[in-house]
C-alpha atoms as a PDB file:
ATOM      1  CA  MET A   1       0.000   0.001  -0.003  1.00  0.00           C
ATOM      2  CA  GLN A   2       1.282   3.461  -0.925  1.00  0.00           C
ATOM      3  CA  LEU A   3       1.958   5.511   2.214  1.00  0.00           C
ATOM      4  CA  LEU A   4       3.559   8.661   0.802  1.00  0.00           C
ATOM      5  CA  SER A   5       3.766  10.303  -2.584  1.00  0.00           C
ATOM      6  CA  LEU A   6       5.318  13.508  -3.865  1.00  0.00           C
ATOM      7  CA  GLU A   7       3.826  14.782  -7.108  1.00  0.00           C
ATOM      8  CA  ARG A   8       5.842  17.266  -9.165  1.00  0.00           C
ATOM      9  CA  VAL A   9       7.109  19.054  -6.058  1.00  0.00           C
ATOM     10  CA  VAL A  10       9.101  22.253  -6.551  1.00  0.00           C
ATOM     11  CA  ALA A  11      10.717  23.958  -3.547  1.00  0.00           C
ATOM     12  CA  GLY A  12      13.663  26.156  -2.659  1.00  0.00           C
ATOM     13  CA  TYR A  13      15.098  28.984  -0.609  1.00  0.00           C
ATOM     14  CA  GLY A  14      14.783  32.606  -1.728  1.00  0.00           C
ATOM     15  CA  GLY A  15      15.747  32.775  -5.375  1.00  0.00           C
ATOM     16  CA  ILE A  16      17.241  29.271  -5.392  1.00  0.00           C
ATOM     17  CA  THR A  17      15.149  26.332  -6.589  1.00  0.00           C
ATOM     18  CA  ALA A  18      16.485  23.282  -4.752  1.00  0.00           C
ATOM     19  CA  ILE A  19      14.117  20.578  -6.051  1.00  0.00           C
ATOM     20  CA  LYS A  20      12.513  20.787  -9.458  1.00  0.00           C
ATOM     21  CA  GLY A  21       9.406  18.687  -9.993  1.00  0.00           C
ATOM     22  CA  VAL A  22      10.243  15.707  -7.752  1.00  0.00           C
ATOM     23  CA  ASP A  23       8.042  12.612  -8.048  1.00  0.00           C
ATOM     24  CA  LEU A  24       8.622  10.015  -5.329  1.00  0.00           C
ATOM     25  CA  THR A  25       6.629   7.270  -3.616  1.00  0.00           C
ATOM     26  CA  VAL A  26       7.105   5.272  -0.441  1.00  0.00           C
ATOM     27  CA  ASN A  27       5.071   2.138   0.249  1.00  0.00           C
ATOM     28  CA  SER A  28       4.146   0.845   3.689  1.00  0.00           C
ATOM     29  CA  ASN A  29       6.824  -1.078   5.567  1.00  0.00           C
ATOM     30  CA  GLU A  30       9.658  -0.556   3.115  1.00  0.00           C
ATOM     31  CA  ILE A  31      12.992   1.248   3.219  1.00  0.00           C
ATOM     32  CA  VAL A  32      13.400   3.766   0.420  1.00  0.00           C
ATOM     33  CA  THR A  33      16.672   5.614   0.050  1.00  0.00           C
ATOM     34  CA  LEU A  34      17.417   8.893  -1.705  1.00  0.00           C
ATOM     35  CA  ILE A  35      21.034   9.291  -2.765  1.00  0.00           C
ATOM     36  CA  GLY A  36      22.873  12.132  -4.435  1.00  0.00           C
ATOM     37  CA  SER A  37      25.794  14.489  -4.031  1.00  0.00           C
ATOM     38  CA  ASN A  38      25.953  17.446  -1.647  1.00  0.00           C
ATOM     39  CA  GLY A  39      23.447  20.110  -2.667  1.00  0.00           C
ATOM     40  CA  ALA A  40      21.444  17.764  -4.885  1.00  0.00           C
ATOM     41  CA  GLY A  41      18.203  18.368  -2.976  1.00  0.00           C
ATOM     42  CA  LYS A  42      18.055  15.393  -0.625  1.00  0.00           C
ATOM     43  CA  SER A  43      17.575  17.270   2.657  1.00  0.00           C
ATOM     44  CA  THR A  44      15.223  19.750   0.994  1.00  0.00           C
ATOM     45  CA  THR A  45      12.999  16.856  -0.029  1.00  0.00           C
ATOM     46  CA  LEU A  46      12.777  15.687   3.593  1.00  0.00           C
ATOM     47  CA  ARG A  47      12.119  19.224   4.849  1.00  0.00           C
ATOM     48  CA  VAL A  48       9.237  19.560   2.421  1.00  0.00           C
ATOM     49  CA  ILE A  49       7.702  16.263   3.566  1.00  0.00           C
ATOM     50  CA  SER A  50       7.953  17.187   7.261  1.00  0.00           C
ATOM     51  CA  GLY A  51       6.430  20.645   6.675  1.00  0.00           C
ATOM     52  CA  LEU A  52       9.562  22.631   7.531  1.00  0.00           C
ATOM     53  CA  LEU A  53       9.642  24.038   3.989  1.00  0.00           C
ATOM     54  CA  ARG A  54       6.508  24.788   2.002  1.00  0.00           C
ATOM     55  CA  PRO A  55       6.578  23.699  -1.667  1.00  0.00           C
ATOM     56  CA  ARG A  56       6.121  26.338  -4.333  1.00  0.00           C
ATOM     57  CA  THR A  57       4.119  23.913  -6.476  1.00  0.00           C
ATOM     58  CA  GLY A  58       3.184  20.237  -6.405  1.00  0.00           C
ATOM     59  CA  ARG A  59       1.420  17.991  -3.934  1.00  0.00           C
ATOM     60  CA  ILE A  60       2.377  15.746  -0.987  1.00  0.00           C
ATOM     61  CA  ILE A  61      -0.002  12.909  -0.141  1.00  0.00           C
ATOM     62  CA  PHE A  62       0.253  10.886   3.078  1.00  0.00           C
ATOM     63  CA  LYS A  63      -2.146   8.015   3.800  1.00  0.00           C
ATOM     64  CA  GLY A  64      -4.398   9.260   1.010  1.00  0.00           C
ATOM     65  CA  GLU A  65      -4.686  12.824   2.373  1.00  0.00           C
ATOM     66  CA  GLU A  66      -2.937  15.915   1.052  1.00  0.00           C
ATOM     67  CA  ILE A  67      -0.505  17.429   3.562  1.00  0.00           C
ATOM     68  CA  THR A  68       1.188  19.930   1.230  1.00  0.00           C
ATOM     69  CA  ARG A  69       0.427  22.915   3.477  1.00  0.00           C
ATOM     70  CA  THR A  70       0.029  21.161   6.815  1.00  0.00           C
ATOM     71  CA  PRO A  71       2.101  22.655   9.702  1.00  0.00           C
ATOM     72  CA  PRO A  72       5.017  20.540  11.017  1.00  0.00           C
ATOM     73  CA  HIS A  73       3.456  19.732  14.409  1.00  0.00           C
ATOM     74  CA  LYS A  74       0.335  18.427  12.683  1.00  0.00           C
ATOM     75  CA  ILE A  75       2.457  16.300  10.368  1.00  0.00           C
ATOM     76  CA  VAL A  76       4.111  14.719  13.406  1.00  0.00           C
ATOM     77  CA  SER A  77       0.697  13.940  14.874  1.00  0.00           C
ATOM     78  CA  LEU A  78      -0.329  12.338  11.547  1.00  0.00           C
ATOM     79  CA  GLY A  79       2.565   9.882  11.833  1.00  0.00           C
ATOM     80  CA  ILE A  80       5.729  11.370  10.259  1.00  0.00           C
ATOM     81  CA  SER A  81       8.889  11.952  12.296  1.00  0.00           C
ATOM     82  CA  GLN A  82      12.236  13.257  11.085  1.00  0.00           C
ATOM     83  CA  VAL A  83      15.752  12.702  12.403  1.00  0.00           C
ATOM     84  CA  PRO A  84      17.536  15.788  11.079  1.00  0.00           C
ATOM     85  CA  GLU A  85      21.033  16.009   9.706  1.00  0.00           C
ATOM     86  CA  GLY A  86      23.326  16.829  12.632  1.00  0.00           C
ATOM     87  CA  ARG A  87      20.966  15.018  15.068  1.00  0.00           C
ATOM     88  CA  GLY A  88      19.421  18.127  16.636  1.00  0.00           C
ATOM     89  CA  ILE A  89      19.246  16.770  20.184  1.00  0.00           C
ATOM     90  CA  PHE A  90      18.773  19.030  23.210  1.00  0.00           C
ATOM     91  CA  HIS A  91      22.309  19.182  24.595  1.00  0.00           C
ATOM     92  CA  ARG A  92      21.426  20.466  28.065  1.00  0.00           C
ATOM     93  CA  LEU A  93      18.667  17.966  28.663  1.00  0.00           C
ATOM     94  CA  SER A  94      19.183  14.408  29.851  1.00  0.00           C
ATOM     95  CA  VAL A  95      18.760  11.341  27.656  1.00  0.00           C
ATOM     96  CA  LEU A  96      15.438  10.631  29.346  1.00  0.00           C
ATOM     97  CA  GLU A  97      14.192  14.200  28.875  1.00  0.00           C
ATOM     98  CA  ASN A  98      15.152  14.158  25.199  1.00  0.00           C
ATOM     99  CA  LEU A  99      13.187  10.944  24.701  1.00  0.00           C
ATOM    100  CA  GLN A 100      10.194  12.242  26.631  1.00  0.00           C
ATOM    101  CA  LEU A 101      10.097  15.310  24.390  1.00  0.00           C
ATOM    102  CA  GLY A 102       9.730  12.980  21.416  1.00  0.00           C
ATOM    103  CA  ALA A 103       6.344  11.982  22.845  1.00  0.00           C
ATOM    104  CA  PHE A 104       5.193  15.530  23.684  1.00  0.00           C
ATOM    105  CA  GLN A 105       2.073  15.273  21.504  1.00  0.00           C
ATOM    106  CA  ARG A 106       1.037  11.938  22.954  1.00  0.00           C
ATOM    107  CA  ASN A 107      -1.237  11.300  25.936  1.00  0.00           C
ATOM    108  CA  ASP A 108      -1.627   7.556  26.086  1.00  0.00           C
ATOM    109  CA  PRO A 109      -0.681   4.735  28.455  1.00  0.00           C
ATOM    110  CA  GLU A 110       1.884   3.189  26.080  1.00  0.00           C
ATOM    111  CA  ILE A 111       4.538   5.893  26.331  1.00  0.00           C
ATOM    112  CA  GLU A 112       6.468   3.975  29.005  1.00  0.00           C
ATOM    113  CA  SER A 113       6.406   0.747  26.987  1.00  0.00           C
ATOM    114  CA  ASP A 114       7.646   2.648  23.926  1.00  0.00           C
ATOM    115  CA  LEU A 115      10.459   4.055  26.041  1.00  0.00           C
ATOM    116  CA  GLU A 116      11.492   0.521  26.919  1.00  0.00           C
ATOM    117  CA  LYS A 117      11.423  -0.401  23.231  1.00  0.00           C
ATOM    118  CA  VAL A 118      13.873   2.426  22.543  1.00  0.00           C
ATOM    119  CA  PHE A 119      16.114   1.121  25.314  1.00  0.00           C
ATOM    120  CA  ASP A 120      15.886  -2.357  23.780  1.00  0.00           C
ATOM    121  CA  LEU A 121      17.086  -0.882  20.486  1.00  0.00           C
ATOM    122  CA  PHE A 122      19.786   1.189  22.148  1.00  0.00           C
ATOM    123  CA  PRO A 123      20.854  -0.325  25.491  1.00  0.00           C
ATOM    124  CA  ARG A 124      23.607   2.277  25.753  1.00  0.00           C
ATOM    125  CA  LEU A 125      20.983   4.990  26.133  1.00  0.00           C
ATOM    126  CA  LYS A 126      19.523   3.236  29.158  1.00  0.00           C
ATOM    127  CA  GLU A 127      23.007   3.138  30.709  1.00  0.00           C
ATOM    128  CA  ARG A 128      23.208   6.915  30.212  1.00  0.00           C
ATOM    129  CA  ILE A 129      19.596   7.766  31.020  1.00  0.00           C
ATOM    130  CA  ARG A 130      20.499  10.653  33.375  1.00  0.00           C
ATOM    131  CA  GLN A 131      23.440  11.936  31.331  1.00  0.00           C
ATOM    132  CA  THR A 132      23.019  15.183  29.414  1.00  0.00           C
ATOM    133  CA  GLY A 133      22.783  14.874  25.649  1.00  0.00           C
ATOM    134  CA  GLY A 134      25.742  17.164  24.993  1.00  0.00           C
ATOM    135  CA  THR A 135      28.119  14.834  26.849  1.00  0.00           C
ATOM    136  CA  LEU A 136      27.289  11.783  24.710  1.00  0.00           C
ATOM    137  CA  SER A 137      29.540  10.571  21.922  1.00  0.00           C
ATOM    138  CA  GLY A 138      28.536  11.241  18.305  1.00  0.00           C
ATOM    139  CA  GLY A 139      27.207   7.720  17.905  1.00  0.00           C
ATOM    140  CA  GLU A 140      25.225   7.917  21.140  1.00  0.00           C
ATOM    141  CA  GLN A 141      23.739  11.243  20.067  1.00  0.00           C
ATOM    142  CA  GLN A 142      22.605   9.651  16.805  1.00  0.00           C
ATOM    143  CA  MET A 143      20.982   6.826  18.758  1.00  0.00           C
ATOM    144  CA  LEU A 144      19.256   9.425  20.925  1.00  0.00           C
ATOM    145  CA  ALA A 145      18.001  11.356  17.884  1.00  0.00           C
ATOM    146  CA  ILE A 146      16.518   8.201  16.370  1.00  0.00           C
ATOM    147  CA  GLY A 147      15.068   7.132  19.720  1.00  0.00           C
ATOM    148  CA  ARG A 148      13.457  10.529  20.208  1.00  0.00           C
ATOM    149  CA  ALA A 149      11.817  10.314  16.776  1.00  0.00           C
ATOM    150  CA  MET A 150      10.577   6.806  17.562  1.00  0.00           C
ATOM    151  CA  MET A 151       8.880   8.082  20.712  1.00  0.00           C
ATOM    152  CA  ALA A 152       6.340   9.865  18.479  1.00  0.00           C
ATOM    153  CA  ARG A 153       5.369   6.399  17.247  1.00  0.00           C
ATOM    154  CA  PRO A 154       5.750   7.326  13.565  1.00  0.00           C
ATOM    155  CA  GLN A 155       4.411   5.339  10.640  1.00  0.00           C
ATOM    156  CA  LEU A 156       7.004   7.056   8.452  1.00  0.00           C
ATOM    157  CA  LEU A 157      10.496   7.808   9.744  1.00  0.00           C
ATOM    158  CA  LEU A 158      12.621  10.301   7.804  1.00  0.00           C
ATOM    159  CA  LEU A 159      16.340   9.848   8.363  1.00  0.00           C
ATOM    160  CA  ASP A 160      18.731  12.569   7.138  1.00  0.00           C
ATOM    161  CA  GLU A 161      22.362  11.388   6.929  1.00  0.00           C
ATOM    162  CA  PRO A 162      22.307   9.111  10.010  1.00  0.00           C
ATOM    163  CA  SER A 163      25.845   7.864   9.420  1.00  0.00           C
ATOM    164  CA  MET A 164      27.470  11.299   9.150  1.00  0.00           C
ATOM    165  CA  GLY A 165      30.568  11.653  11.274  1.00  0.00           C
ATOM    166  CA  LEU A 166      30.438   8.149  12.742  1.00  0.00           C
ATOM    167  CA  SER A 167      33.139   5.496  12.857  1.00  0.00           C
ATOM    168  CA  PRO A 168      32.713   2.484  10.494  1.00  0.00           C
ATOM    169  CA  ILE A 169      31.679   0.232  13.399  1.00  0.00           C
ATOM    170  CA  LEU A 170      29.005   2.660  14.543  1.00  0.00           C
ATOM    171  CA  VAL A 171      27.813   3.116  10.972  1.00  0.00           C
ATOM    172  CA  GLU A 172      27.162  -0.633  10.806  1.00  0.00           C
ATOM    173  CA  THR A 173      25.289  -0.454  14.118  1.00  0.00           C
ATOM    174  CA  ILE A 174      23.074   2.397  12.906  1.00  0.00           C
ATOM    175  CA  PHE A 175      22.233   0.585   9.646  1.00  0.00           C
ATOM    176  CA  GLU A 176      21.437  -2.628  11.505  1.00  0.00           C
ATOM    177  CA  THR A 177      19.105  -0.620  13.724  1.00  0.00           C
ATOM    178  CA  ILE A 178      17.388   0.895  10.680  1.00  0.00           C
ATOM    179  CA  THR A 179      16.596  -2.573   9.353  1.00  0.00           C
ATOM    180  CA  THR A 180      15.357  -3.631  12.817  1.00  0.00           C
ATOM    181  CA  ILE A 181      13.016  -0.636  13.003  1.00  0.00           C
ATOM    182  CA  GLN A 182      11.621  -1.492   9.581  1.00  0.00           C
ATOM    183  CA  ALA A 183      11.179  -5.142  10.570  1.00  0.00           C
ATOM    184  CA  GLN A 184       9.156  -3.980  13.575  1.00  0.00           C
ATOM    185  CA  GLY A 185       6.658  -2.296  11.240  1.00  0.00           C
ATOM    186  CA  ALA A 186       7.929   1.218  10.512  1.00  0.00           C
ATOM    187  CA  THR A 187       8.401   2.684   7.037  1.00  0.00           C
ATOM    188  CA  ILE A 188      11.636   4.536   6.375  1.00  0.00           C
ATOM    189  CA  LEU A 189      12.763   7.190   3.903  1.00  0.00           C
ATOM    190  CA  LEU A 190      16.532   7.403   4.165  1.00  0.00           C
ATOM    191  CA  VAL A 191      18.779  10.194   2.864  1.00  0.00           C
ATOM    192  CA  GLU A 192      22.357   9.003   2.992  1.00  0.00           C
ATOM    193  CA  GLN A 193      25.759   9.828   1.509  1.00  0.00           C
ATOM    194  CA  ASN A 194      27.008   6.306   2.245  1.00  0.00           C
ATOM    195  CA  ALA A 195      25.361   5.053  -0.942  1.00  0.00           C
ATOM    196  CA  ALA A 196      26.773   1.523  -0.769  1.00  0.00           C
ATOM    197  CA  MET A 197      25.231   0.739   2.625  1.00  0.00           C
ATOM    198  CA  ALA A 198      22.021   2.623   1.855  1.00  0.00           C
ATOM    199  CA  LEU A 199      21.440   0.658  -1.351  1.00  0.00           C
ATOM    200  CA  GLU A 200      22.273  -2.583   0.439  1.00  0.00           C
ATOM    201  CA  ILE A 201      19.357  -2.220   2.880  1.00  0.00           C
ATOM    202  CA  ALA A 202      16.894  -0.354   0.630  1.00  0.00           C
ATOM    203  CA  HIS A 203      13.927  -2.028  -1.017  1.00  0.00           C
ATOM    204  CA  ARG A 204      13.785   0.837  -3.519  1.00  0.00           C
ATOM    205  CA  ALA A 205      15.989   3.810  -4.269  1.00  0.00           C
ATOM    206  CA  TYR A 206      16.081   7.128  -6.084  1.00  0.00           C
ATOM    207  CA  VAL A 207      19.002   9.192  -7.360  1.00  0.00           C
ATOM    208  CA  ILE A 208      18.594  12.948  -7.262  1.00  0.00           C
ATOM    209  CA  GLU A 209      20.867  15.289  -9.185  1.00  0.00           C
ATOM    210  CA  SER A 210      20.547  19.093  -9.180  1.00  0.00           C
ATOM    211  CA  GLY A 211      17.041  18.817  -7.780  1.00  0.00           C
ATOM    212  CA  VAL A 212      15.789  16.287 -10.320  1.00  0.00           C
ATOM    213  CA  ILE A 213      15.184  12.542  -9.912  1.00  0.00           C
ATOM    214  CA  THR A 214      17.349  10.957 -12.569  1.00  0.00           C
ATOM    215  CA  LEU A 215      17.260   7.237 -11.677  1.00  0.00           C
ATOM    216  CA  GLN A 216      15.005   4.913  -9.696  1.00  0.00           C
ATOM    217  CA  GLY A 217      14.704   1.199  -9.093  1.00  0.00           C
ATOM    218  CA  THR A 218      15.293  -1.425  -6.464  1.00  0.00           C
ATOM    219  CA  GLY A 219      18.313  -1.022  -4.212  1.00  0.00           C
ATOM    220  CA  LYS A 220      20.013  -3.935  -5.952  1.00  0.00           C
ATOM    221  CA  GLU A 221      19.306  -2.540  -9.395  1.00  0.00           C
ATOM    222  CA  LEU A 222      20.841   0.832  -8.639  1.00  0.00           C
ATOM    223  CA  ALA A 223      23.791  -0.746  -6.856  1.00  0.00           C
ATOM    224  CA  GLN A 224      24.600  -2.509 -10.138  1.00  0.00           C
ATOM    225  CA  ASP A 225      23.955   0.513 -12.388  1.00  0.00           C
ATOM    226  CA  GLU A 226      27.173   1.729 -14.025  1.00  0.00           C
ATOM    227  CA  ARG A 227      26.324   5.395 -13.512  1.00  0.00           C
ATOM    228  CA  VAL A 228      25.663   4.860  -9.804  1.00  0.00           C
ATOM    229  CA  ARG A 229      28.753   2.739  -9.353  1.00  0.00           C
ATOM    230  CA  ARG A 230      30.904   5.367 -11.002  1.00  0.00           C
ATOM    231  CA  SER A 231      29.365   8.465  -9.392  1.00  0.00           C
ATOM    232  CA  TYR A 232      28.359   7.285  -5.904  1.00  0.00           C
ATOM    233  CA  LEU A 233      30.179   4.022  -5.144  1.00  0.00           C
ATOM    234  CA  GLY A 234      33.674   5.180  -6.105  1.00  0.00           C
ATOM    235  CA  GLU A 235      34.187   2.615  -8.814  1.00  0.00           C
ATOM    236  CA  GLU A 236      35.828   3.222 -12.190  1.00  0.00           C
END
Protein backbone atom coordinates (compact mmCIF):
# COMPACT_ATOMS: atom_id res chain seq x y z
CA MET A 1 0.00 0.00 0.00
CA GLN A 2 1.28 3.45 -0.92
CA LEU A 3 1.96 5.50 2.21
CA LEU A 4 3.55 8.66 0.81
CA SER A 5 3.77 10.31 -2.59
CA LEU A 6 5.32 13.51 -3.86
CA GLU A 7 3.82 14.78 -7.11
CA ARG A 8 5.85 17.27 -9.16
CA VAL A 9 7.10 19.05 -6.05
CA VAL A 10 9.10 22.25 -6.55
CA ALA A 11 10.72 23.97 -3.55
CA GLY A 12 13.66 26.16 -2.66
CA TYR A 13 15.10 28.99 -0.62
CA GLY A 14 14.78 32.60 -1.72
CA GLY A 15 15.75 32.78 -5.37
CA ILE A 16 17.24 29.27 -5.39
CA THR A 17 15.15 26.33 -6.59
CA ALA A 18 16.49 23.28 -4.75
CA ILE A 19 14.11 20.58 -6.05
CA LYS A 20 12.51 20.78 -9.47
CA GLY A 21 9.41 18.69 -9.99
CA VAL A 22 10.24 15.72 -7.76
CA ASP A 23 8.03 12.62 -8.04
CA LEU A 24 8.62 10.02 -5.33
CA THR A 25 6.62 7.28 -3.62
CA VAL A 26 7.10 5.27 -0.44
CA ASN A 27 5.07 2.14 0.25
CA SER A 28 4.15 0.85 3.69
CA ASN A 29 6.83 -1.08 5.57
CA GLU A 30 9.67 -0.55 3.11
CA ILE A 31 12.99 1.25 3.22
CA VAL A 32 13.39 3.77 0.42
CA THR A 33 16.68 5.62 0.04
CA LEU A 34 17.41 8.88 -1.71
CA ILE A 35 21.04 9.29 -2.76
CA GLY A 36 22.87 12.13 -4.43
CA SER A 37 25.79 14.49 -4.04
CA ASN A 38 25.95 17.44 -1.65
CA GLY A 39 23.45 20.11 -2.67
CA ALA A 40 21.45 17.77 -4.88
CA GLY A 41 18.20 18.37 -2.98
CA LYS A 42 18.05 15.39 -0.62
CA SER A 43 17.58 17.27 2.65
CA THR A 44 15.23 19.75 0.99
CA THR A 45 13.00 16.84 -0.02
CA LEU A 46 12.77 15.69 3.59
CA ARG A 47 12.12 19.22 4.85
CA VAL A 48 9.23 19.56 2.42
CA ILE A 49 7.69 16.26 3.57
CA SER A 50 7.95 17.20 7.26
CA GLY A 51 6.43 20.64 6.67
CA LEU A 52 9.56 22.63 7.53
CA LEU A 53 9.64 24.03 3.99
CA ARG A 54 6.50 24.79 2.00
CA PRO A 55 6.57 23.70 -1.66
CA ARG A 56 6.11 26.33 -4.34
CA THR A 57 4.12 23.91 -6.47
CA GLY A 58 3.19 20.23 -6.41
CA ARG A 59 1.41 17.99 -3.92
CA ILE A 60 2.37 15.75 -1.00
CA ILE A 61 0.00 12.91 -0.15
CA PHE A 62 0.25 10.88 3.08
CA LYS A 63 -2.14 8.01 3.80
CA GLY A 64 -4.40 9.25 1.01
CA GLU A 65 -4.68 12.81 2.36
CA GLU A 66 -2.94 15.91 1.04
CA ILE A 67 -0.51 17.42 3.56
CA THR A 68 1.20 19.93 1.24
CA ARG A 69 0.43 22.92 3.48
CA THR A 70 0.03 21.16 6.81
CA PRO A 71 2.10 22.64 9.71
CA PRO A 72 5.02 20.54 11.02
CA HIS A 73 3.46 19.73 14.40
CA LYS A 74 0.33 18.43 12.68
CA ILE A 75 2.46 16.31 10.37
CA VAL A 76 4.11 14.72 13.41
CA SER A 77 0.70 13.94 14.87
CA LEU A 78 -0.33 12.33 11.55
CA GLY A 79 2.57 9.88 11.84
CA ILE A 80 5.73 11.37 10.26
CA SER A 81 8.89 11.96 12.30
CA GLN A 82 12.24 13.26 11.08
CA VAL A 83 15.74 12.71 12.40
CA PRO A 84 17.54 15.80 11.07
CA GLU A 85 21.04 16.00 9.71
CA GLY A 86 23.32 16.84 12.63
CA ARG A 87 20.97 15.02 15.06
CA GLY A 88 19.41 18.13 16.64
CA ILE A 89 19.23 16.78 20.18
CA PHE A 90 18.78 19.03 23.21
CA HIS A 91 22.32 19.18 24.59
CA ARG A 92 21.43 20.48 28.06
CA LEU A 93 18.67 17.96 28.67
CA SER A 94 19.18 14.40 29.85
CA VAL A 95 18.76 11.34 27.67
CA LEU A 96 15.44 10.63 29.35
CA GLU A 97 14.20 14.21 28.87
CA ASN A 98 15.15 14.16 25.19
CA LEU A 99 13.19 10.94 24.71
CA GLN A 100 10.19 12.24 26.64
CA LEU A 101 10.09 15.31 24.39
CA GLY A 102 9.73 12.98 21.42
CA ALA A 103 6.35 11.98 22.85
CA PHE A 104 5.20 15.53 23.68
CA GLN A 105 2.08 15.27 21.51
CA ARG A 106 1.04 11.94 22.96
CA ASN A 107 -1.23 11.31 25.94
CA ASP A 108 -1.63 7.56 26.09
CA PRO A 109 -0.68 4.74 28.46
CA GLU A 110 1.88 3.19 26.09
CA ILE A 111 4.54 5.89 26.33
CA GLU A 112 6.47 3.98 29.00
CA SER A 113 6.41 0.76 26.98
CA ASP A 114 7.65 2.64 23.92
CA LEU A 115 10.45 4.06 26.04
CA GLU A 116 11.49 0.52 26.92
CA LYS A 117 11.42 -0.40 23.23
CA VAL A 118 13.87 2.43 22.55
CA PHE A 119 16.12 1.11 25.31
CA ASP A 120 15.88 -2.36 23.78
CA LEU A 121 17.08 -0.89 20.48
CA PHE A 122 19.78 1.20 22.15
CA PRO A 123 20.85 -0.32 25.49
CA ARG A 124 23.60 2.28 25.74
CA LEU A 125 20.97 5.00 26.13
CA LYS A 126 19.53 3.24 29.16
CA GLU A 127 23.00 3.14 30.70
CA ARG A 128 23.21 6.91 30.21
CA ILE A 129 19.60 7.77 31.03
CA ARG A 130 20.49 10.65 33.38
CA GLN A 131 23.44 11.93 31.33
CA THR A 132 23.02 15.19 29.42
CA GLY A 133 22.78 14.87 25.64
CA GLY A 134 25.74 17.15 24.99
CA THR A 135 28.13 14.84 26.85
CA LEU A 136 27.29 11.79 24.70
CA SER A 137 29.54 10.57 21.92
CA GLY A 138 28.53 11.23 18.31
CA GLY A 139 27.21 7.71 17.91
CA GLU A 140 25.22 7.92 21.14
CA GLN A 141 23.74 11.24 20.07
CA GLN A 142 22.61 9.66 16.81
CA MET A 143 20.99 6.82 18.76
CA LEU A 144 19.26 9.42 20.93
CA ALA A 145 18.00 11.35 17.89
CA ILE A 146 16.52 8.20 16.37
CA GLY A 147 15.07 7.14 19.72
CA ARG A 148 13.46 10.53 20.21
CA ALA A 149 11.82 10.31 16.78
CA MET A 150 10.58 6.80 17.55
CA MET A 151 8.88 8.08 20.71
CA ALA A 152 6.35 9.87 18.48
CA ARG A 153 5.38 6.40 17.24
CA PRO A 154 5.75 7.32 13.56
CA GLN A 155 4.41 5.34 10.64
CA LEU A 156 7.00 7.05 8.44
CA LEU A 157 10.49 7.80 9.74
CA LEU A 158 12.61 10.30 7.80
CA LEU A 159 16.35 9.85 8.36
CA ASP A 160 18.74 12.56 7.15
CA GLU A 161 22.37 11.40 6.93
CA PRO A 162 22.30 9.11 10.01
CA SER A 163 25.86 7.86 9.42
CA MET A 164 27.46 11.30 9.14
CA GLY A 165 30.58 11.66 11.28
CA LEU A 166 30.44 8.15 12.74
CA SER A 167 33.13 5.49 12.85
CA PRO A 168 32.71 2.49 10.50
CA ILE A 169 31.68 0.23 13.39
CA LEU A 170 29.00 2.66 14.55
CA VAL A 171 27.81 3.12 10.97
CA GLU A 172 27.17 -0.63 10.81
CA THR A 173 25.30 -0.46 14.12
CA ILE A 174 23.07 2.39 12.90
CA PHE A 175 22.24 0.59 9.64
CA GLU A 176 21.44 -2.62 11.51
CA THR A 177 19.11 -0.61 13.73
CA ILE A 178 17.38 0.90 10.69
CA THR A 179 16.59 -2.58 9.36
CA THR A 180 15.36 -3.63 12.81
CA ILE A 181 13.01 -0.63 13.00
CA GLN A 182 11.63 -1.49 9.57
CA ALA A 183 11.19 -5.14 10.57
CA GLN A 184 9.16 -3.97 13.56
CA GLY A 185 6.66 -2.29 11.24
CA ALA A 186 7.93 1.22 10.50
CA THR A 187 8.40 2.69 7.03
CA ILE A 188 11.65 4.54 6.38
CA LEU A 189 12.76 7.19 3.90
CA LEU A 190 16.53 7.41 4.17
CA VAL A 191 18.77 10.20 2.86
CA GLU A 192 22.35 9.01 2.98
CA GLN A 193 25.76 9.82 1.51
CA ASN A 194 27.00 6.30 2.23
CA ALA A 195 25.36 5.06 -0.95
CA ALA A 196 26.78 1.53 -0.77
CA MET A 197 25.24 0.75 2.62
CA ALA A 198 22.02 2.62 1.86
CA LEU A 199 21.44 0.66 -1.34
CA GLU A 200 22.27 -2.59 0.44
CA ILE A 201 19.36 -2.23 2.88
CA ALA A 202 16.89 -0.36 0.63
CA HIS A 203 13.93 -2.02 -1.03
CA ARG A 204 13.78 0.83 -3.53
CA ALA A 205 15.99 3.81 -4.28
CA TYR A 206 16.08 7.13 -6.09
CA VAL A 207 19.00 9.19 -7.37
CA ILE A 208 18.59 12.96 -7.25
CA GLU A 209 20.87 15.29 -9.18
CA SER A 210 20.55 19.09 -9.18
CA GLY A 211 17.04 18.82 -7.78
CA VAL A 212 15.79 16.29 -10.33
CA ILE A 213 15.19 12.54 -9.91
CA THR A 214 17.36 10.95 -12.58
CA LEU A 215 17.25 7.24 -11.68
CA GLN A 216 15.01 4.92 -9.69
CA GLY A 217 14.70 1.20 -9.10
CA THR A 218 15.30 -1.42 -6.45
CA GLY A 219 18.31 -1.03 -4.21
CA LYS A 220 20.01 -3.94 -5.96
CA GLU A 221 19.31 -2.54 -9.41
CA LEU A 222 20.84 0.83 -8.64
CA ALA A 223 23.80 -0.74 -6.85
CA GLN A 224 24.59 -2.51 -10.13
CA ASP A 225 23.96 0.51 -12.39
CA GLU A 226 27.17 1.72 -14.03
CA ARG A 227 26.33 5.40 -13.51
CA VAL A 228 25.66 4.86 -9.81
CA ARG A 229 28.75 2.74 -9.35
CA ARG A 230 30.90 5.37 -11.00
CA SER A 231 29.37 8.47 -9.39
CA TYR A 232 28.38 7.28 -5.91
CA LEU A 233 30.17 4.03 -5.13
CA GLY A 234 33.67 5.19 -6.10
CA GLU A 235 34.19 2.61 -8.81
CA GLU A 236 35.82 3.22 -12.18
